[in-house]
Amino acid sequence: MNTGRDAGLQPERTRLAWRRTLLTLTVVTALAVRLASAGGPTGALIAGVTVLVWGALLVLCWPRGTGTGPARTGGRTLPLVAVGTVALALLGVLLVLRGLC
C-alpha cells in the first residue's frame, strides 16, 4: 500500500494559492486607491505608491500563479511578497490615520 503524498496535486494547490494571493492584493489595491483618490495630493501619492507596490508584487507572483515557470527571484518570492504585503498594510494605516486627523 502506497501511503506517500500525491505529488500531482501539490503544484495545482500551490498555483491556486498564488492566484488567491494575487486576487487579494488586487482587491486591497483597488480599495486603497478608491479611499486615497478623495484625499488630494497626499491621497494621490499614497494611491500611486500602492499601485507601484501592487505592480511589483504582480510581477513576482504571476509566474507562480499561472504556472508559466519558476519565480525569477531565486527562491526569494515569499519574503518579497511578505515585505510588499507589509508595505500595503502600512499604506492602509496611513490612509486610516489621514482620515482621522
PDB file of N, CA and C in Angstrom:
ATOM      1  N   MET A   1       0.835  -1.177   0.000  1.00  0.00           N
ATOM      2  CA  MET A   1       0.000   0.000   0.000  1.00  0.00           C
ATOM      3  C   MET A   1       0.879   1.239   0.000  1.00  0.00           C
ATOM      4  N   ASN A   2       0.594   2.153  -0.905  1.00  0.00           N
ATOM      5  CA  ASN A   2       1.375   3.377  -1.027  1.00  0.00           C
ATOM      6  C   ASN A   2       0.757   4.462  -0.156  1.00  0.00           C
ATOM      7  N   THR A   3       1.477   4.895   0.874  1.00  0.00           N
ATOM      8  CA  THR A   3       0.966   5.921   1.773  1.00  0.00           C
ATOM      9  C   THR A   3       1.627   7.270   1.524  1.00  0.00           C
ATOM     10  N   GLY A   4       2.407   7.395   0.455  1.00  0.00           N
ATOM     11  CA  GLY A   4       3.082   8.655   0.140  1.00  0.00           C
ATOM     12  C   GLY A   4       2.108   9.704  -0.379  1.00  0.00           C
ATOM     13  N   ARG A   5       2.589  10.918  -0.444  1.00  0.00           N
ATOM     14  CA  ARG A   5       1.762  12.016  -0.948  1.00  0.00           C
ATOM     15  C   ARG A   5       1.598  11.906  -2.450  1.00  0.00           C
ATOM     16  N   ASP A   6       0.520  12.441  -2.944  1.00  0.00           N
ATOM     17  CA  ASP A   6       0.289  12.517  -4.377  1.00  0.00           C
ATOM     18  C   ASP A   6       0.926  13.815  -4.871  1.00  0.00           C
ATOM     19  N   ALA A   7       2.091  13.695  -5.468  1.00  0.00           N
ATOM     20  CA  ALA A   7       2.829  14.885  -5.906  1.00  0.00           C
ATOM     21  C   ALA A   7       2.124  15.601  -7.049  1.00  0.00           C
ATOM     22  N   GLY A   8       1.163  14.965  -7.674  1.00  0.00           N
ATOM     23  CA  GLY A   8       0.465  15.590  -8.790  1.00  0.00           C
ATOM     24  C   GLY A   8      -0.449  16.725  -8.384  1.00  0.00           C
ATOM     25  N   LEU A   9      -0.954  16.706  -7.162  1.00  0.00           N
ATOM     26  CA  LEU A   9      -1.873  17.747  -6.725  1.00  0.00           C
ATOM     27  C   LEU A   9      -1.174  18.931  -6.067  1.00  0.00           C
ATOM     28  N   GLN A  10      -0.003  18.731  -5.547  1.00  0.00           N
ATOM     29  CA  GLN A  10       0.690  19.806  -4.843  1.00  0.00           C
ATOM     30  C   GLN A  10       0.961  21.023  -5.732  1.00  0.00           C
ATOM     31  N   PRO A  11       1.451  20.856  -6.962  1.00  0.00           N
ATOM     32  CA  PRO A  11       1.663  22.042  -7.796  1.00  0.00           C
ATOM     33  C   PRO A  11       0.363  22.803  -8.093  1.00  0.00           C
ATOM     34  N   GLU A  12      -0.733  22.061  -8.256  1.00  0.00           N
ATOM     35  CA  GLU A  12      -2.005  22.726  -8.505  1.00  0.00           C
ATOM     36  C   GLU A  12      -2.452  23.537  -7.289  1.00  0.00           C
ATOM     37  N   ARG A  13      -2.299  22.971  -6.100  1.00  0.00           N
ATOM     38  CA  ARG A  13      -2.648  23.701  -4.870  1.00  0.00           C
ATOM     39  C   ARG A  13      -1.791  24.951  -4.729  1.00  0.00           C
ATOM     40  N   THR A  14      -0.516  24.833  -5.073  1.00  0.00           N
ATOM     41  CA  THR A  14       0.377  25.978  -4.982  1.00  0.00           C
ATOM     42  C   THR A  14      -0.043  27.072  -5.958  1.00  0.00           C
ATOM     43  N   ARG A  15      -0.354  26.710  -7.196  1.00  0.00           N
ATOM     44  CA  ARG A  15      -0.807  27.705  -8.178  1.00  0.00           C
ATOM     45  C   ARG A  15      -2.077  28.391  -7.712  1.00  0.00           C
ATOM     46  N   LEU A  16      -3.005  27.605  -7.172  1.00  0.00           N
ATOM     47  CA  LEU A  16      -4.253  28.199  -6.688  1.00  0.00           C
ATOM     48  C   LEU A  16      -4.003  29.145  -5.517  1.00  0.00           C
ATOM     49  N   ALA A  17      -3.080  28.801  -4.641  1.00  0.00           N
ATOM     50  CA  ALA A  17      -2.755  29.690  -3.516  1.00  0.00           C
ATOM     51  C   ALA A  17      -2.161  30.999  -4.012  1.00  0.00           C
ATOM     52  N   TRP A  18      -1.271  30.946  -5.001  1.00  0.00           N
ATOM     53  CA  TRP A  18      -0.694  32.172  -5.549  1.00  0.00           C
ATOM     54  C   TRP A  18      -1.757  32.990  -6.267  1.00  0.00           C
ATOM     55  N   ARG A  19      -2.704  32.344  -6.934  1.00  0.00           N
ATOM     56  CA  ARG A  19      -3.800  33.086  -7.579  1.00  0.00           C
ATOM     57  C   ARG A  19      -4.666  33.794  -6.544  1.00  0.00           C
ATOM     58  N   ARG A  20      -4.942  33.129  -5.436  1.00  0.00           N
ATOM     59  CA  ARG A  20      -5.704  33.786  -4.365  1.00  0.00           C
ATOM     60  C   ARG A  20      -4.935  34.974  -3.819  1.00  0.00           C
ATOM     61  N   THR A  21      -3.623  34.826  -3.692  1.00  0.00           N
ATOM     62  CA  THR A  21      -2.796  35.935  -3.222  1.00  0.00           C
ATOM     63  C   THR A  21      -2.888  37.111  -4.188  1.00  0.00           C
ATOM     64  N   LEU A  22      -2.783  36.839  -5.489  1.00  0.00           N
ATOM     65  CA  LEU A  22      -2.892  37.909  -6.483  1.00  0.00           C
ATOM     66  C   LEU A  22      -4.256  38.589  -6.432  1.00  0.00           C
ATOM     67  N   LEU A  23      -5.306  37.802  -6.305  1.00  0.00           N
ATOM     68  CA  LEU A  23      -6.649  38.371  -6.240  1.00  0.00           C
ATOM     69  C   LEU A  23      -6.804  39.257  -5.004  1.00  0.00           C
ATOM     70  N   THR A  24      -6.314  38.788  -3.875  1.00  0.00           N
ATOM     71  CA  THR A  24      -6.399  39.563  -2.645  1.00  0.00           C
ATOM     72  C   THR A  24      -5.621  40.869  -2.763  1.00  0.00           C
ATOM     73  N   LEU A  25      -4.418  40.810  -3.313  1.00  0.00           N
ATOM     74  CA  LEU A  25      -3.616  42.020  -3.491  1.00  0.00           C
ATOM     75  C   LEU A  25      -4.305  43.007  -4.424  1.00  0.00           C
ATOM     76  N   THR A  26      -4.957  42.507  -5.457  1.00  0.00           N
ATOM     77  CA  THR A  26      -5.656  43.379  -6.396  1.00  0.00           C
ATOM     78  C   THR A  26      -6.833  44.070  -5.728  1.00  0.00           C
ATOM     79  N   VAL A  27      -7.598  43.340  -4.945  1.00  0.00           N
ATOM     80  CA  VAL A  27      -8.752  43.930  -4.251  1.00  0.00           C
ATOM     81  C   VAL A  27      -8.284  44.966  -3.231  1.00  0.00           C
ATOM     82  N   VAL A  28      -7.257  44.651  -2.469  1.00  0.00           N
ATOM     83  CA  VAL A  28      -6.738  45.600  -1.478  1.00  0.00           C
ATOM     84  C   VAL A  28      -6.241  46.868  -2.169  1.00  0.00           C
ATOM     85  N   THR A  29      -5.562  46.712  -3.291  1.00  0.00           N
ATOM     86  CA  THR A  29      -5.064  47.867  -4.027  1.00  0.00           C
ATOM     87  C   THR A  29      -6.216  48.717  -4.551  1.00  0.00           C
ATOM     88  N   ALA A  30      -7.235  48.075  -5.098  1.00  0.00           N
ATOM     89  CA  ALA A  30      -8.381  48.820  -5.609  1.00  0.00           C
ATOM     90  C   ALA A  30      -9.081  49.599  -4.500  1.00  0.00           C
ATOM     91  N   LEU A  31      -9.237  48.982  -3.342  1.00  0.00           N
ATOM     92  CA  LEU A  31      -9.868  49.681  -2.214  1.00  0.00           C
ATOM     93  C   LEU A  31      -9.004  50.840  -1.719  1.00  0.00           C
ATOM     94  N   ALA A  32      -7.701  50.628  -1.653  1.00  0.00           N
ATOM     95  CA  ALA A  32      -6.804  51.688  -1.187  1.00  0.00           C
ATOM     96  C   ALA A  32      -6.809  52.863  -2.157  1.00  0.00           C
ATOM     97  N   VAL A  33      -6.800  52.577  -3.445  1.00  0.00           N
ATOM     98  CA  VAL A  33      -6.830  53.658  -4.435  1.00  0.00           C
ATOM     99  C   VAL A  33      -8.158  54.402  -4.359  1.00  0.00           C
ATOM    100  N   ARG A  34      -9.227  53.673  -4.156  1.00  0.00           N
ATOM    101  CA  ARG A  34     -10.541  54.321  -4.032  1.00  0.00           C
ATOM    102  C   ARG A  34     -10.588  55.247  -2.814  1.00  0.00           C
ATOM    103  N   LEU A  35     -10.075  54.770  -1.688  1.00  0.00           N
ATOM    104  CA  LEU A  35     -10.056  55.611  -0.487  1.00  0.00           C
ATOM    105  C   LEU A  35      -9.128  56.806  -0.639  1.00  0.00           C
ATOM    106  N   ALA A  36      -7.988  56.578  -1.263  1.00  0.00           N
ATOM    107  CA  ALA A  36      -6.982  57.633  -1.364  1.00  0.00           C
ATOM    108  C   ALA A  36      -7.330  58.670  -2.425  1.00  0.00           C
ATOM    109  N   SER A  37      -8.162  58.310  -3.392  1.00  0.00           N
ATOM    110  CA  SER A  37      -8.432  59.224  -4.504  1.00  0.00           C
ATOM    111  C   SER A  37      -9.151  60.491  -4.063  1.00  0.00           C
ATOM    112  N   ALA A  38      -9.839  60.464  -2.944  1.00  0.00           N
ATOM    113  CA  ALA A  38     -10.556  61.639  -2.467  1.00  0.00           C
ATOM    114  C   ALA A  38      -9.715  62.484  -1.521  1.00  0.00           C
ATOM    115  N   GLY A  39      -8.443  62.171  -1.402  1.00  0.00           N
ATOM    116  CA  GLY A  39      -7.627  62.838  -0.400  1.00  0.00           C
ATOM    117  C   GLY A  39      -6.676  63.893  -0.895  1.00  0.00           C
ATOM    118  N   GLY A  40      -6.874  64.426  -2.086  1.00  0.00           N
ATOM    119  CA  GLY A  40      -5.995  65.472  -2.579  1.00  0.00           C
ATOM    120  C   GLY A  40      -4.613  64.936  -2.933  1.00  0.00           C
ATOM    121  N   PRO A  41      -3.590  65.790  -2.841  1.00  0.00           N
ATOM    122  CA  PRO A  41      -2.243  65.381  -3.248  1.00  0.00           C
ATOM    123  C   PRO A  41      -1.658  64.250  -2.396  1.00  0.00           C
ATOM    124  N   THR A  42      -1.911  64.268  -1.105  1.00  0.00           N
ATOM    125  CA  THR A  42      -1.396  63.209  -0.247  1.00  0.00           C
ATOM    126  C   THR A  42      -2.048  61.879  -0.593  1.00  0.00           C
ATOM    127  N   GLY A  43      -3.337  61.908  -0.811  1.00  0.00           N
ATOM    128  CA  GLY A  43      -4.044  60.697  -1.210  1.00  0.00           C
ATOM    129  C   GLY A  43      -3.564  60.179  -2.551  1.00  0.00           C
ATOM    130  N   ALA A  44      -3.280  61.093  -3.479  1.00  0.00           N
ATOM    131  CA  ALA A  44      -2.771  60.683  -4.790  1.00  0.00           C
ATOM    132  C   ALA A  44      -1.398  60.031  -4.648  1.00  0.00           C
ATOM    133  N   LEU A  45      -0.573  60.569  -3.760  1.00  0.00           N
ATOM    134  CA  LEU A  45       0.748  59.972  -3.529  1.00  0.00           C
ATOM    135  C   LEU A  45       0.612  58.566  -2.943  1.00  0.00           C
ATOM    136  N   ILE A  46      -0.265  58.413  -1.962  1.00  0.00           N
ATOM    137  CA  ILE A  46      -0.490  57.099  -1.354  1.00  0.00           C
ATOM    138  C   ILE A  46      -1.044  56.124  -2.395  1.00  0.00           C
ATOM    139  N   ALA A  47      -1.974  56.589  -3.230  1.00  0.00           N
ATOM    140  CA  ALA A  47      -2.538  55.728  -4.273  1.00  0.00           C
ATOM    141  C   ALA A  47      -1.454  55.319  -5.269  1.00  0.00           C
ATOM    142  N   GLY A  48      -0.595  56.240  -5.639  1.00  0.00           N
ATOM    143  CA  GLY A  48       0.482  55.927  -6.570  1.00  0.00           C
ATOM    144  C   GLY A  48       1.457  54.907  -6.015  1.00  0.00           C
ATOM    145  N   VAL A  49       1.831  55.074  -4.759  1.00  0.00           N
ATOM    146  CA  VAL A  49       2.747  54.121  -4.127  1.00  0.00           C
ATOM    147  C   VAL A  49       2.076  52.753  -4.007  1.00  0.00           C
ATOM    148  N   THR A  50       0.793  52.749  -3.695  1.00  0.00           N
ATOM    149  CA  THR A  50       0.060  51.490  -3.593  1.00  0.00           C
ATOM    150  C   THR A  50       0.052  50.754  -4.929  1.00  0.00           C
ATOM    151  N   VAL A  51      -0.177  51.473  -6.003  1.00  0.00           N
ATOM    152  CA  VAL A  51      -0.194  50.847  -7.324  1.00  0.00           C
ATOM    153  C   VAL A  51       1.198  50.340  -7.695  1.00  0.00           C
ATOM    154  N   LEU A  52       2.243  51.081  -7.335  1.00  0.00           N
ATOM    155  CA  LEU A  52       3.607  50.623  -7.616  1.00  0.00           C
ATOM    156  C   LEU A  52       3.937  49.341  -6.854  1.00  0.00           C
ATOM    157  N   VAL A  53       3.554  49.285  -5.576  1.00  0.00           N
ATOM    158  CA  VAL A  53       3.796  48.074  -4.786  1.00  0.00           C
ATOM    159  C   VAL A  53       3.012  46.911  -5.375  1.00  0.00           C
ATOM    160  N   TRP A  54       1.764  47.157  -5.746  1.00  0.00           N
ATOM    161  CA  TRP A  54       0.944  46.109  -6.357  1.00  0.00           C
ATOM    162  C   TRP A  54       1.579  45.603  -7.646  1.00  0.00           C
ATOM    163  N   GLY A  55       2.069  46.519  -8.481  1.00  0.00           N
ATOM    164  CA  GLY A  55       2.717  46.112  -9.731  1.00  0.00           C
ATOM    165  C   GLY A  55       3.941  45.238  -9.491  1.00  0.00           C
ATOM    166  N   ALA A  56       4.745  45.616  -8.498  1.00  0.00           N
ATOM    167  CA  ALA A  56       5.930  44.812  -8.175  1.00  0.00           C
ATOM    168  C   ALA A  56       5.521  43.424  -7.687  1.00  0.00           C
ATOM    169  N   LEU A  57       4.497  43.364  -6.845  1.00  0.00           N
ATOM    170  CA  LEU A  57       4.031  42.063  -6.347  1.00  0.00           C
ATOM    171  C   LEU A  57       3.417  41.234  -7.465  1.00  0.00           C
ATOM    172  N   LEU A  58       2.756  41.893  -8.400  1.00  0.00           N
ATOM    173  CA  LEU A  58       2.183  41.183  -9.534  1.00  0.00           C
ATOM    174  C   LEU A  58       3.281  40.519 -10.370  1.00  0.00           C
ATOM    175  N   VAL A  59       4.363  41.250 -10.594  1.00  0.00           N
ATOM    176  CA  VAL A  59       5.485  40.688 -11.354  1.00  0.00           C
ATOM    177  C   VAL A  59       6.083  39.481 -10.622  1.00  0.00           C
ATOM    178  N   LEU A  60       6.145  39.553  -9.302  1.00  0.00           N
ATOM    179  CA  LEU A  60       6.698  38.441  -8.521  1.00  0.00           C
ATOM    180  C   LEU A  60       5.779  37.224  -8.508  1.00  0.00           C
ATOM    181  N   CYS A  61       4.483  37.464  -8.362  1.00  0.00           N
ATOM    182  CA  CYS A  61       3.540  36.358  -8.167  1.00  0.00           C
ATOM    183  C   CYS A  61       3.040  35.736  -9.462  1.00  0.00           C
ATOM    184  N   TRP A  62       3.065  36.469 -10.557  1.00  0.00           N
ATOM    185  CA  TRP A  62       2.457  35.978 -11.785  1.00  0.00           C
ATOM    186  C   TRP A  62       3.007  34.626 -12.252  1.00  0.00           C
ATOM    187  N   PRO A  63       4.334  34.449 -12.310  1.00  0.00           N
ATOM    188  CA  PRO A  63       4.827  33.141 -12.760  1.00  0.00           C
ATOM    189  C   PRO A  63       4.386  31.989 -11.871  1.00  0.00           C
ATOM    190  N   ARG A  64       4.280  32.240 -10.585  1.00  0.00           N
ATOM    191  CA  ARG A  64       3.843  31.185  -9.668  1.00  0.00           C
ATOM    192  C   ARG A  64       2.353  30.904  -9.817  1.00  0.00           C
ATOM    193  N   GLY A  65       1.556  31.959  -9.991  1.00  0.00           N
ATOM    194  CA  GLY A  65       0.110  31.786 -10.052  1.00  0.00           C
ATOM    195  C   GLY A  65      -0.392  31.208 -11.356  1.00  0.00           C
ATOM    196  N   THR A  66       0.351  31.411 -12.418  1.00  0.00           N
ATOM    197  CA  THR A  66      -0.096  30.911 -13.714  1.00  0.00           C
ATOM    198  C   THR A  66       0.605  29.629 -14.112  1.00  0.00           C
ATOM    199  N   GLY A  67       1.631  29.253 -13.393  1.00  0.00           N
ATOM    200  CA  GLY A  67       2.366  28.042 -13.720  1.00  0.00           C
ATOM    201  C   GLY A  67       3.193  28.181 -14.978  1.00  0.00           C
ATOM    202  N   THR A  68       3.559  29.427 -15.329  1.00  0.00           N
ATOM    203  CA  THR A  68       4.315  29.661 -16.557  1.00  0.00           C
ATOM    204  C   THR A  68       5.816  29.535 -16.354  1.00  0.00           C
ATOM    205  N   GLY A  69       6.225  29.161 -15.178  1.00  0.00           N
ATOM    206  CA  GLY A  69       7.649  28.981 -14.947  1.00  0.00           C
ATOM    207  C   GLY A  69       8.006  29.292 -13.510  1.00  0.00           C
ATOM    208  N   PRO A  70       9.236  29.032 -13.167  1.00  0.00           N
ATOM    209  CA  PRO A  70       9.668  29.307 -11.805  1.00  0.00           C
ATOM    210  C   PRO A  70       9.787  30.814 -11.565  1.00  0.00           C
ATOM    211  N   ALA A  71       9.761  31.180 -10.329  1.00  0.00           N
ATOM    212  CA  ALA A  71       9.948  32.587  -9.980  1.00  0.00           C
ATOM    213  C   ALA A  71      11.342  33.018 -10.398  1.00  0.00           C
ATOM    214  N   ARG A  72      11.463  34.265 -10.796  1.00  0.00           N
ATOM    215  CA  ARG A  72      12.743  34.781 -11.268  1.00  0.00           C
ATOM    216  C   ARG A  72      13.600  35.348 -10.148  1.00  0.00           C
ATOM    217  N   THR A  73      13.227  35.101  -8.928  1.00  0.00           N
ATOM    218  CA  THR A  73      13.931  35.729  -7.815  1.00  0.00           C
ATOM    219  C   THR A  73      14.807  34.753  -7.049  1.00  0.00           C
ATOM    220  N   GLY A  74      15.036  33.576  -7.561  1.00  0.00           N
ATOM    221  CA  GLY A  74      15.928  32.631  -6.909  1.00  0.00           C
ATOM    222  C   GLY A  74      15.444  32.141  -5.563  1.00  0.00           C
ATOM    223  N   GLY A  75      14.149  31.927  -5.407  1.00  0.00           N
ATOM    224  CA  GLY A  75      13.625  31.401  -4.155  1.00  0.00           C
ATOM    225  C   GLY A  75      13.294  32.463  -3.114  1.00  0.00           C
ATOM    226  N   ARG A  76      13.364  33.732  -3.502  1.00  0.00           N
ATOM    227  CA  ARG A  76      13.077  34.805  -2.553  1.00  0.00           C
ATOM    228  C   ARG A  76      11.682  35.384  -2.739  1.00  0.00           C
ATOM    229  N   THR A  77      10.816  34.705  -3.473  1.00  0.00           N
ATOM    230  CA  THR A  77       9.498  35.249  -3.758  1.00  0.00           C
ATOM    231  C   THR A  77       8.683  35.468  -2.494  1.00  0.00           C
ATOM    232  N   LEU A  78       8.612  34.467  -1.647  1.00  0.00           N
ATOM    233  CA  LEU A  78       7.768  34.571  -0.458  1.00  0.00           C
ATOM    234  C   LEU A  78       8.200  35.708   0.464  1.00  0.00           C
ATOM    235  N   PRO A  79       9.489  35.863   0.802  1.00  0.00           N
ATOM    236  CA  PRO A  79       9.870  37.010   1.637  1.00  0.00           C
ATOM    237  C   PRO A  79       9.577  38.350   0.965  1.00  0.00           C
ATOM    238  N   LEU A  80       9.769  38.446  -0.348  1.00  0.00           N
ATOM    239  CA  LEU A  80       9.477  39.699  -1.040  1.00  0.00           C
ATOM    240  C   LEU A  80       7.991  40.005  -1.039  1.00  0.00           C
ATOM    241  N   VAL A  81       7.161  38.988  -1.196  1.00  0.00           N
ATOM    242  CA  VAL A  81       5.713  39.187  -1.131  1.00  0.00           C
ATOM    243  C   VAL A  81       5.305  39.597   0.284  1.00  0.00           C
ATOM    244  N   ALA A  82       5.946  39.019   1.284  1.00  0.00           N
ATOM    245  CA  ALA A  82       5.647  39.409   2.672  1.00  0.00           C
ATOM    246  C   ALA A  82       5.999  40.873   2.914  1.00  0.00           C
ATOM    247  N   VAL A  83       7.137  41.315   2.410  1.00  0.00           N
ATOM    248  CA  VAL A  83       7.529  42.722   2.560  1.00  0.00           C
ATOM    249  C   VAL A  83       6.537  43.627   1.833  1.00  0.00           C
ATOM    250  N   GLY A  84       6.139  43.234   0.636  1.00  0.00           N
ATOM    251  CA  GLY A  84       5.158  44.021  -0.105  1.00  0.00           C
ATOM    252  C   GLY A  84       3.814  44.079   0.598  1.00  0.00           C
ATOM    253  N   THR A  85       3.411  42.979   1.199  1.00  0.00           N
ATOM    254  CA  THR A  85       2.147  42.948   1.934  1.00  0.00           C
ATOM    255  C   THR A  85       2.204  43.857   3.151  1.00  0.00           C
ATOM    256  N   VAL A  86       3.323  43.853   3.845  1.00  0.00           N
ATOM    257  CA  VAL A  86       3.500  44.761   4.990  1.00  0.00           C
ATOM    258  C   VAL A  86       3.472  46.213   4.508  1.00  0.00           C
ATOM    259  N   ALA A  87       4.081  46.482   3.365  1.00  0.00           N
ATOM    260  CA  ALA A  87       4.058  47.840   2.818  1.00  0.00           C
ATOM    261  C   ALA A  87       2.626  48.274   2.516  1.00  0.00           C
ATOM    262  N   LEU A  88       1.824  47.375   1.925  1.00  0.00           N
ATOM    263  CA  LEU A  88       0.423  47.711   1.670  1.00  0.00           C
ATOM    264  C   LEU A  88      -0.338  47.937   2.972  1.00  0.00           C
ATOM    265  N   ALA A  89      -0.041  47.144   3.989  1.00  0.00           N
ATOM    266  CA  ALA A  89      -0.698  47.334   5.291  1.00  0.00           C
ATOM    267  C   ALA A  89      -0.332  48.687   5.893  1.00  0.00           C
ATOM    268  N   LEU A  90       0.936  49.069   5.797  1.00  0.00           N
ATOM    269  CA  LEU A  90       1.351  50.379   6.319  1.00  0.00           C
ATOM    270  C   LEU A  90       0.700  51.520   5.546  1.00  0.00           C
ATOM    271  N   LEU A  91       0.563  51.363   4.240  1.00  0.00           N
ATOM    272  CA  LEU A  91      -0.143  52.382   3.459  1.00  0.00           C
ATOM    273  C   LEU A  91      -1.603  52.470   3.890  1.00  0.00           C
ATOM    274  N   GLY A  92      -2.208  51.331   4.200  1.00  0.00           N
ATOM    275  CA  GLY A  92      -3.574  51.338   4.713  1.00  0.00           C
ATOM    276  C   GLY A  92      -3.681  52.051   6.047  1.00  0.00           C
ATOM    277  N   VAL A  93      -2.699  51.839   6.912  1.00  0.00           N
ATOM    278  CA  VAL A  93      -2.684  52.547   8.200  1.00  0.00           C
ATOM    279  C   VAL A  93      -2.560  54.051   7.959  1.00  0.00           C
ATOM    280  N   LEU A  94      -1.723  54.440   7.010  1.00  0.00           N
ATOM    281  CA  LEU A  94      -1.601  55.868   6.683  1.00  0.00           C
ATOM    282  C   LEU A  94      -2.932  56.436   6.211  1.00  0.00           C
ATOM    283  N   LEU A  95      -3.652  55.671   5.392  1.00  0.00           N
ATOM    284  CA  LEU A  95      -4.965  56.133   4.939  1.00  0.00           C
ATOM    285  C   LEU A  95      -5.920  56.329   6.110  1.00  0.00           C
ATOM    286  N   VAL A  96      -5.917  55.377   7.021  1.00  0.00           N
ATOM    287  CA  VAL A  96      -6.812  55.481   8.175  1.00  0.00           C
ATOM    288  C   VAL A  96      -6.427  56.655   9.058  1.00  0.00           C
ATOM    289  N   LEU A  97      -5.154  56.807   9.349  1.00  0.00           N
ATOM    290  CA  LEU A  97      -4.697  57.914  10.195  1.00  0.00           C
ATOM    291  C   LEU A  97      -4.965  59.256   9.521  1.00  0.00           C
ATOM    292  N   ARG A  98      -4.777  59.299   8.219  1.00  0.00           N
ATOM    293  CA  ARG A  98      -5.036  60.538   7.475  1.00  0.00           C
ATOM    294  C   ARG A  98      -6.513  60.891   7.533  1.00  0.00           C
ATOM    295  N   GLY A  99      -7.377  59.904   7.531  1.00  0.00           N
ATOM    296  CA  GLY A  99      -8.808  60.142   7.614  1.00  0.00           C
ATOM    297  C   GLY A  99      -9.249  60.565   8.996  1.00  0.00           C
ATOM    298  N   LEU A 100      -8.511  60.168  10.021  1.00  0.00           N
ATOM    299  CA  LEU A 100      -8.883  60.511  11.390  1.00  0.00           C
ATOM    300  C   LEU A 100      -8.378  61.881  11.800  1.00  0.00           C
ATOM    301  N   CYS A 101      -7.341  62.374  11.147  1.00  0.00           N
ATOM    302  CA  CYS A 101      -6.766  63.665  11.523  1.00  0.00           C
ATOM    303  C   CYS A 101      -7.508  64.806  10.898  1.00  0.00           C
TER     304      CYS A 101
END
